[in-house]
Amino acid sequence: MSEDTLGPGHHTRVRRMPELATYDVEVINAILDEARFCHVAAIVDGQAVTVPTLHAREGSTLYLHGSQSNAFMKAVFSCATAFVSVTIYDGLRLARSGFESSIAYRSVVVVGPASQVSDVAEKRRVLDMFVDAILPGRAQEVRPLRERELNLTLVVRVEISEASAKVSHGPTQDDEDDMALPIWSGTIPAHLEFDAPVPSSDGAMKDGNVALPESLVRLYRDQR
């Protein structure tokens, strides 16, 4: 592997439809950053388990977090290798046959050694990073993390040692014999869109005088 690629690796080589695969670092990182959540795999009490959770990336490191009492997250960093995947749904690809019909998507599989983040300062910094991964700029708008909340939270560091992406987009690939069939075919793009914000009706929000924060103003402005 070069500095610009993360594969193909032993665990992440794409064998099914390899023409959709890429191991390019920039493509992989872009998908990881855009994905709203990930799925993490681990063995818990002898059972294979996959759990959806939030993630945040910094350089070649992917961070996960959960409760200190979470047996699943403890299993993740106790294993020699962590497996994490993300998928972004981009729409429908409707062919003239069900066999060739599919969805448009971008996905990534990440593999790497996992360890617990124990340093208090680093934990605080990473947990703020999680807040900003959900909504950029939000970490500066909320109250600081309390000591008790910090102690209750487990942060796991996954060093990305290998990864692969699959990108499915563009026109469908109908069989030549199907091309003349009078059946509609094409693509239907899809994207995530945020509706109007619904403010809380408790505490200081009751009087309705709390202004919309800059992070939300920017969110709605950028999606126009």
C-alpha atoms as a PDB file:
ATOM      1  CA  MET A   1       0.000   0.000   0.000  1.00  0.00           C
ATOM      2  CA  SER A   2       1.134   3.573  -0.696  1.00  0.00           C
ATOM      3  CA  GLU A   3       0.393   6.701   1.345  1.00  0.00           C
ATOM      4  CA  ASP A   4      -2.521   7.389  -0.999  1.00  0.00           C
ATOM      5  CA  THR A   5      -4.193   3.982  -0.651  1.00  0.00           C
ATOM      6  CA  LEU A   6      -5.491   1.763   2.153  1.00  0.00           C
ATOM      7  CA  GLY A   7      -5.676  -1.485   0.222  1.00  0.00           C
ATOM      8  CA  PRO A   8      -6.428  -3.901  -1.119  1.00  0.00           C
ATOM      9  CA  GLY A   9      -5.810  -5.553   2.224  1.00  0.00           C
ATOM     10  CA  HIS A  10      -6.300  -9.064   3.515  1.00  0.00           C
ATOM     11  CA  HIS A  11      -9.615  -8.188   5.201  1.00  0.00           C
ATOM     12  CA  THR A  12     -10.911  -5.473   2.871  1.00  0.00           C
ATOM     13  CA  ARG A  13     -10.146  -6.639  -0.677  1.00  0.00           C
ATOM     14  CA  VAL A  14     -13.392  -6.326  -2.670  1.00  0.00           C
ATOM     15  CA  ARG A  15     -14.069  -9.576  -4.522  1.00  0.00           C
ATOM     16  CA  ARG A  16     -17.729  -9.124  -5.453  1.00  0.00           C
ATOM     17  CA  MET A  17     -18.012  -6.493  -8.239  1.00  0.00           C
ATOM     18  CA  PRO A  18     -14.413  -5.248  -7.821  1.00  0.00           C
ATOM     19  CA  GLU A  19     -15.034  -2.635 -10.521  1.00  0.00           C
ATOM     20  CA  LEU A  20     -16.974  -0.651  -7.900  1.00  0.00           C
ATOM     21  CA  ALA A  21     -14.079  -0.725  -5.447  1.00  0.00           C
ATOM     22  CA  THR A  22     -11.586   1.960  -4.556  1.00  0.00           C
ATOM     23  CA  TYR A  23      -8.849   2.023  -1.932  1.00  0.00           C
ATOM     24  CA  ASP A  24      -8.093   5.709  -2.358  1.00  0.00           C
ATOM     25  CA  VAL A  25      -7.553   7.456   0.998  1.00  0.00           C
ATOM     26  CA  GLU A  26      -9.339  10.664  -0.007  1.00  0.00           C
ATOM     27  CA  VAL A  27     -12.436   8.835  -1.241  1.00  0.00           C
ATOM     28  CA  ILE A  28     -12.576   6.632   1.861  1.00  0.00           C
ATOM     29  CA  ASN A  29     -12.134   9.561   4.256  1.00  0.00           C
ATOM     30  CA  ALA A  30     -14.802  11.621   2.469  1.00  0.00           C
ATOM     31  CA  ILE A  31     -17.340   8.800   2.829  1.00  0.00           C
ATOM     32  CA  LEU A  32     -16.443   8.243   6.490  1.00  0.00           C
ATOM     33  CA  ASP A  33     -16.879  11.955   7.210  1.00  0.00           C
ATOM     34  CA  GLU A  34     -20.206  12.264   5.399  1.00  0.00           C
ATOM     35  CA  ALA A  35     -21.759   9.116   6.885  1.00  0.00           C
ATOM     36  CA  ARG A  36     -24.058   9.926   9.814  1.00  0.00           C
ATOM     37  CA  PHE A  37     -23.333   6.726  11.721  1.00  0.00           C
ATOM     38  CA  CYS A  38     -21.443   3.460  11.431  1.00  0.00           C
ATOM     39  CA  HIS A  39     -21.848  -0.231  12.262  1.00  0.00           C
ATOM     40  CA  VAL A  40     -19.283  -1.951  14.473  1.00  0.00           C
ATOM     41  CA  ALA A  41     -18.773  -5.716  14.729  1.00  0.00           C
ATOM     42  CA  ALA A  42     -17.534  -7.680  17.750  1.00  0.00           C
ATOM     43  CA  ILE A  43     -17.802 -11.043  19.469  1.00  0.00           C
ATOM     44  CA  VAL A  44     -19.719 -10.794  22.767  1.00  0.00           C
ATOM     45  CA  ASP A  45     -20.110 -13.923  24.903  1.00  0.00           C
ATOM     46  CA  GLY A  46     -19.322 -16.083  21.903  1.00  0.00           C
ATOM     47  CA  GLN A  47     -21.930 -14.411  19.695  1.00  0.00           C
ATOM     48  CA  ALA A  48     -21.276 -12.289  16.615  1.00  0.00           C
ATOM     49  CA  VAL A  49     -22.849  -8.855  17.189  1.00  0.00           C
ATOM     50  CA  THR A  50     -23.164  -5.761  14.991  1.00  0.00           C
ATOM     51  CA  VAL A  51     -24.241  -2.466  16.540  1.00  0.00           C
ATOM     52  CA  PRO A  52     -24.947   0.964  14.976  1.00  0.00           C
ATOM     53  CA  THR A  53     -23.183   3.862  16.678  1.00  0.00           C
ATOM     54  CA  LEU A  54     -21.716   7.298  16.042  1.00  0.00           C
ATOM     55  CA  HIS A  55     -18.155   7.816  14.886  1.00  0.00           C
ATOM     56  CA  ALA A  56     -15.694  10.627  14.317  1.00  0.00           C
ATOM     57  CA  ARG A  57     -12.518  10.603  12.225  1.00  0.00           C
ATOM     58  CA  GLU A  58      -9.250  12.425  12.764  1.00  0.00           C
ATOM     59  CA  GLY A  59      -6.521  11.686  10.247  1.00  0.00           C
ATOM     60  CA  SER A  60      -6.061   7.920  10.076  1.00  0.00           C
ATOM     61  CA  THR A  61      -7.875   7.350  13.369  1.00  0.00           C
ATOM     62  CA  LEU A  62     -11.559   6.524  13.790  1.00  0.00           C
ATOM     63  CA  TYR A  63     -13.125   7.134  17.213  1.00  0.00           C
ATOM     64  CA  LEU A  64     -16.110   5.333  18.737  1.00  0.00           C
ATOM     65  CA  HIS A  65     -17.779   5.899  22.089  1.00  0.00           C
ATOM     66  CA  GLY A  66     -20.288   4.335  24.447  1.00  0.00           C
ATOM     67  CA  SER A  67     -21.083   3.694  28.100  1.00  0.00           C
ATOM     68  CA  GLN A  68     -18.342   2.424  30.407  1.00  0.00           C
ATOM     69  CA  SER A  69     -20.699  -0.455  31.285  1.00  0.00           C
ATOM     70  CA  ASN A  70     -21.250  -1.348  27.629  1.00  0.00           C
ATOM     71  CA  ALA A  71     -20.049  -4.937  27.190  1.00  0.00           C
ATOM     72  CA  PHE A  72     -20.134  -4.591  23.400  1.00  0.00           C
ATOM     73  CA  MET A  73     -17.790  -1.593  23.246  1.00  0.00           C
ATOM     74  CA  LYS A  74     -15.425  -3.254  25.715  1.00  0.00           C
ATOM     75  CA  ALA A  75     -15.365  -6.277  23.417  1.00  0.00           C
ATOM     76  CA  VAL A  76     -14.367  -4.034  20.506  1.00  0.00           C
ATOM     77  CA  PHE A  77     -11.120  -2.819  22.066  1.00  0.00           C
ATOM     78  CA  SER A  78     -10.371  -6.160  23.708  1.00  0.00           C
ATOM     79  CA  CYS A  79     -10.195  -7.784  20.247  1.00  0.00           C
ATOM     80  CA  ALA A  80      -6.971  -7.668  18.292  1.00  0.00           C
ATOM     81  CA  THR A  81      -8.760  -6.063  15.324  1.00  0.00           C
ATOM     82  CA  ALA A  82     -11.844  -3.860  14.981  1.00  0.00           C
ATOM     83  CA  PHE A  83     -14.196  -3.969  11.973  1.00  0.00           C
ATOM     84  CA  VAL A  84     -16.257  -0.844  11.203  1.00  0.00           C
ATOM     85  CA  SER A  85     -18.507  -0.122   8.212  1.00  0.00           C
ATOM     86  CA  VAL A  86     -20.527   2.838   6.953  1.00  0.00           C
ATOM     87  CA  THR A  87     -23.044   3.191   4.114  1.00  0.00           C
ATOM     88  CA  ILE A  88     -24.528   6.277   2.496  1.00  0.00           C
ATOM     89  CA  TYR A  89     -27.784   5.723   0.589  1.00  0.00           C
ATOM     90  CA  ASP A  90     -27.810   7.774  -2.637  1.00  0.00           C
ATOM     91  CA  GLY A  91     -30.978   6.571  -4.366  1.00  0.00           C
ATOM     92  CA  LEU A  92     -32.469   3.929  -6.660  1.00  0.00           C
ATOM     93  CA  ARG A  93     -31.074   2.346  -9.822  1.00  0.00           C
ATOM     94  CA  LEU A  94     -34.073   0.789 -11.601  1.00  0.00           C
ATOM     95  CA  ALA A  95     -33.256  -1.486 -14.502  1.00  0.00           C
ATOM     96  CA  ARG A  96     -35.614  -3.256 -16.885  1.00  0.00           C
ATOM     97  CA  SER A  97     -35.145  -6.439 -14.851  1.00  0.00           C
ATOM     98  CA  GLY A  98     -35.238  -7.064 -11.145  1.00  0.00           C
ATOM     99  CA  PHE A  99     -31.894  -8.838 -11.366  1.00  0.00           C
ATOM    100  CA  GLU A 100     -30.070  -5.733 -12.599  1.00  0.00           C
ATOM    101  CA  SER A 101     -31.989  -3.285 -10.359  1.00  0.00           C
ATOM    102  CA  SER A 102     -30.151  -1.987  -7.315  1.00  0.00           C
ATOM    103  CA  ILE A 103     -29.518   1.093  -5.213  1.00  0.00           C
ATOM    104  CA  ALA A 104     -26.980   3.877  -5.520  1.00  0.00           C
ATOM    105  CA  TYR A 105     -24.673   3.923  -2.516  1.00  0.00           C
ATOM    106  CA  ARG A 106     -21.232   4.657  -1.138  1.00  0.00           C
ATOM    107  CA  SER A 107     -19.850   2.313   1.496  1.00  0.00           C
ATOM    108  CA  VAL A 108     -16.611   1.812   3.415  1.00  0.00           C
ATOM    109  CA  VAL A 109     -15.201  -1.048   5.473  1.00  0.00           C
ATOM    110  CA  VAL A 110     -12.439  -0.150   7.938  1.00  0.00           C
ATOM    111  CA  VAL A 111     -10.153  -2.589   9.744  1.00  0.00           C
ATOM    112  CA  GLY A 112      -7.575  -1.765  12.384  1.00  0.00           C
ATOM    113  CA  PRO A 113      -6.308  -2.251  15.930  1.00  0.00           C
ATOM    114  CA  ALA A 114      -8.522  -0.778  18.660  1.00  0.00           C
ATOM    115  CA  SER A 115      -7.579   0.641  22.050  1.00  0.00           C
ATOM    116  CA  GLN A 116      -9.214   2.597  24.856  1.00  0.00           C
ATOM    117  CA  VAL A 117      -8.589   6.329  25.161  1.00  0.00           C
ATOM    118  CA  SER A 118      -7.679   6.823  28.823  1.00  0.00           C
ATOM    119  CA  ASP A 119      -6.054  10.259  28.886  1.00  0.00           C
ATOM    120  CA  VAL A 120      -8.621  12.693  30.335  1.00  0.00           C
ATOM    121  CA  ALA A 121      -7.650  15.649  28.139  1.00  0.00           C
ATOM    122  CA  GLU A 122      -7.775  13.535  24.995  1.00  0.00           C
ATOM    123  CA  LYS A 123     -11.158  12.087  25.983  1.00  0.00           C
ATOM    124  CA  ARG A 124     -12.590  15.582  26.419  1.00  0.00           C
ATOM    125  CA  ARG A 125     -11.211  16.682  23.066  1.00  0.00           C
ATOM    126  CA  VAL A 126     -12.513  13.603  21.236  1.00  0.00           C
ATOM    127  CA  LEU A 127     -15.972  13.831  22.812  1.00  0.00           C
ATOM    128  CA  ASP A 128     -16.195  17.462  21.671  1.00  0.00           C
ATOM    129  CA  MET A 129     -15.206  16.157  18.236  1.00  0.00           C
ATOM    130  CA  PHE A 130     -18.196  13.800  18.354  1.00  0.00           C
ATOM    131  CA  VAL A 131     -20.534  16.721  19.052  1.00  0.00           C
ATOM    132  CA  ASP A 132     -19.125  18.614  16.079  1.00  0.00           C
ATOM    133  CA  ALA A 133     -19.294  15.484  13.893  1.00  0.00           C
ATOM    134  CA  ILE A 134     -23.066  15.479  14.474  1.00  0.00           C
ATOM    135  CA  LEU A 135     -23.432  19.219  13.921  1.00  0.00           C
ATOM    136  CA  PRO A 136     -20.323  21.304  13.094  1.00  0.00           C
ATOM    137  CA  GLY A 137     -19.808  24.136  15.584  1.00  0.00           C
ATOM    138  CA  ARG A 138     -22.191  22.728  18.191  1.00  0.00           C
ATOM    139  CA  ALA A 139     -19.471  21.868  20.739  1.00  0.00           C
ATOM    140  CA  GLN A 140     -18.862  25.590  21.347  1.00  0.00           C
ATOM    141  CA  GLU A 141     -22.579  26.230  21.953  1.00  0.00           C
ATOM    142  CA  VAL A 142     -23.315  23.629  24.629  1.00  0.00           C
ATOM    143  CA  ARG A 143     -22.194  23.553  28.263  1.00  0.00           C
ATOM    144  CA  PRO A 144     -18.837  21.864  29.004  1.00  0.00           C
ATOM    145  CA  LEU A 145     -18.753  18.143  29.697  1.00  0.00           C
ATOM    146  CA  ARG A 146     -19.143  17.348  33.397  1.00  0.00           C
ATOM    147  CA  GLU A 147     -16.669  15.133  35.241  1.00  0.00           C
ATOM    148  CA  ARG A 148     -19.351  12.521  35.922  1.00  0.00           C
ATOM    149  CA  GLU A 149     -20.336  12.403  32.239  1.00  0.00           C
ATOM    150  CA  LEU A 150     -16.683  11.999  31.273  1.00  0.00           C
ATOM    151  CA  ASN A 151     -16.257   9.098  33.708  1.00  0.00           C
ATOM    152  CA  LEU A 152     -19.383   7.372  32.389  1.00  0.00           C
ATOM    153  CA  THR A 153     -18.179   7.458  28.785  1.00  0.00           C
ATOM    154  CA  LEU A 154     -15.871   4.976  27.094  1.00  0.00           C
ATOM    155  CA  VAL A 155     -13.897   6.196  24.081  1.00  0.00           C
ATOM    156  CA  VAL A 156     -12.336   3.706  21.666  1.00  0.00           C
ATOM    157  CA  ARG A 157      -9.602   4.537  19.178  1.00  0.00           C
ATOM    158  CA  VAL A 158      -9.388   2.522  15.932  1.00  0.00           C
ATOM    159  CA  GLU A 159      -6.257   3.014  13.858  1.00  0.00           C
ATOM    160  CA  ILE A 160      -7.207   2.556  10.207  1.00  0.00           C
ATOM    161  CA  SER A 161      -4.693   0.008   8.938  1.00  0.00           C
ATOM    162  CA  GLU A 162      -6.668  -1.013   5.856  1.00  0.00           C
ATOM    163  CA  ALA A 163      -9.955  -0.010   4.237  1.00  0.00           C
ATOM    164  CA  SER A 164     -11.945  -0.251   1.036  1.00  0.00           C
ATOM    165  CA  ALA A 165     -14.828   1.659  -0.476  1.00  0.00           C
ATOM    166  CA  LYS A 166     -17.534   0.610  -2.932  1.00  0.00           C
ATOM    167  CA  VAL A 167     -19.312   3.257  -4.964  1.00  0.00           C
ATOM    168  CA  SER A 168     -22.407   2.338  -6.986  1.00  0.00           C
ATOM    169  CA  HIS A 169     -23.867   5.114  -9.132  1.00  0.00           C
ATOM    170  CA  GLY A 170     -24.775   6.081 -12.665  1.00  0.00           C
ATOM    171  CA  PRO A 171     -27.048   4.364 -15.213  1.00  0.00           C
ATOM    172  CA  THR A 172     -28.261   0.795 -14.855  1.00  0.00           C
ATOM    173  CA  GLN A 173     -26.605  -2.050 -16.743  1.00  0.00           C
ATOM    174  CA  ASP A 174     -29.451  -3.698 -18.589  1.00  0.00           C
ATOM    175  CA  ASP A 175     -28.867  -6.835 -20.655  1.00  0.00           C
ATOM    176  CA  GLU A 176     -28.690  -6.043 -24.346  1.00  0.00           C
ATOM    177  CA  ASP A 177     -31.771  -8.219 -24.937  1.00  0.00           C
ATOM    178  CA  ASP A 178     -33.748  -6.046 -22.484  1.00  0.00           C
ATOM    179  CA  MET A 179     -32.934  -2.678 -24.024  1.00  0.00           C
ATOM    180  CA  ALA A 180     -35.944  -2.661 -26.379  1.00  0.00           C
ATOM    181  CA  LEU A 181     -38.454  -3.615 -23.669  1.00  0.00           C
ATOM    182  CA  PRO A 182     -41.078  -0.876 -22.991  1.00  0.00           C
ATOM    183  CA  ILE A 183     -40.212  -0.820 -19.273  1.00  0.00           C
ATOM    184  CA  TRP A 184     -39.211   2.365 -17.486  1.00  0.00           C
ATOM    185  CA  SER A 185     -35.597   2.368 -16.318  1.00  0.00           C
ATOM    186  CA  GLY A 186     -33.384   5.009 -14.797  1.00  0.00           C
ATOM    187  CA  THR A 187     -32.090   6.454 -11.558  1.00  0.00           C
ATOM    188  CA  ILE A 188     -33.826   8.267  -8.718  1.00  0.00           C
ATOM    189  CA  PRO A 189     -31.353  10.316  -6.642  1.00  0.00           C
ATOM    190  CA  ALA A 190     -31.953  10.592  -2.879  1.00  0.00           C
ATOM    191  CA  HIS A 191     -30.400  12.795  -0.222  1.00  0.00           C
ATOM    192  CA  LEU A 192     -30.776  13.680   3.443  1.00  0.00           C
ATOM    193  CA  GLU A 193     -32.704  16.884   4.103  1.00  0.00           C
ATOM    194  CA  PHE A 194     -33.460  18.548   7.428  1.00  0.00           C
ATOM    195  CA  ASP A 195     -36.956  19.884   8.130  1.00  0.00           C
ATOM    196  CA  ALA A 196     -37.704  23.055  10.099  1.00  0.00           C
ATOM    197  CA  PRO A 197     -36.353  22.928  13.686  1.00  0.00           C
ATOM    198  CA  VAL A 198     -38.805  22.164  16.510  1.00  0.00           C
ATOM    199  CA  PRO A 199     -37.662  23.992  19.675  1.00  0.00           C
ATOM    200  CA  SER A 200     -38.001  22.530  23.164  1.00  0.00           C
ATOM    201  CA  SER A 201     -40.835  23.913  25.265  1.00  0.00           C
ATOM    202  CA  ASP A 202     -39.218  23.582  28.693  1.00  0.00           C
ATOM    203  CA  GLY A 203     -36.859  25.609  30.888  1.00  0.00           C
ATOM    204  CA  ALA A 204     -35.484  28.794  29.340  1.00  0.00           C
ATOM    205  CA  MET A 205     -37.017  27.808  26.000  1.00  0.00           C
ATOM    206  CA  LYS A 206     -40.572  28.314  27.269  1.00  0.00           C
ATOM    207  CA  ASP A 207     -40.668  32.015  26.410  1.00  0.00           C
ATOM    208  CA  GLY A 208     -39.332  31.389  22.905  1.00  0.00           C
ATOM    209  CA  ASN A 209     -36.621  34.034  23.249  1.00  0.00           C
ATOM    210  CA  VAL A 210     -33.631  31.726  22.749  1.00  0.00           C
ATOM    211  CA  ALA A 211     -32.243  32.410  19.292  1.00  0.00           C
ATOM    212  CA  LEU A 212     -31.422  29.724  16.764  1.00  0.00           C
ATOM    213  CA  PRO A 213     -27.691  28.927  17.208  1.00  0.00           C
ATOM    214  CA  GLU A 214     -25.168  29.633  14.493  1.00  0.00           C
ATOM    215  CA  SER A 215     -24.573  25.900  13.957  1.00  0.00           C
ATOM    216  CA  LEU A 216     -28.222  25.433  12.937  1.00  0.00           C
ATOM    217  CA  VAL A 217     -28.316  28.623  10.881  1.00  0.00           C
ATOM    218  CA  ARG A 218     -25.319  27.306   8.948  1.00  0.00           C
ATOM    219  CA  LEU A 219     -26.879  23.823   8.605  1.00  0.00           C
ATOM    220  CA  TYR A 220     -30.023  25.172   6.937  1.00  0.00           C
ATOM    221  CA  ARG A 221     -28.102  27.679   4.859  1.00  0.00           C
ATOM    222  CA  ASP A 222     -25.738  25.010   3.507  1.00  0.00           C
ATOM    223  CA  GLN A 223     -28.501  22.599   2.491  1.00  0.00           C
ATOM    224  CA  ARG A 224     -30.248  25.125   0.268  1.00  0.00           C
END
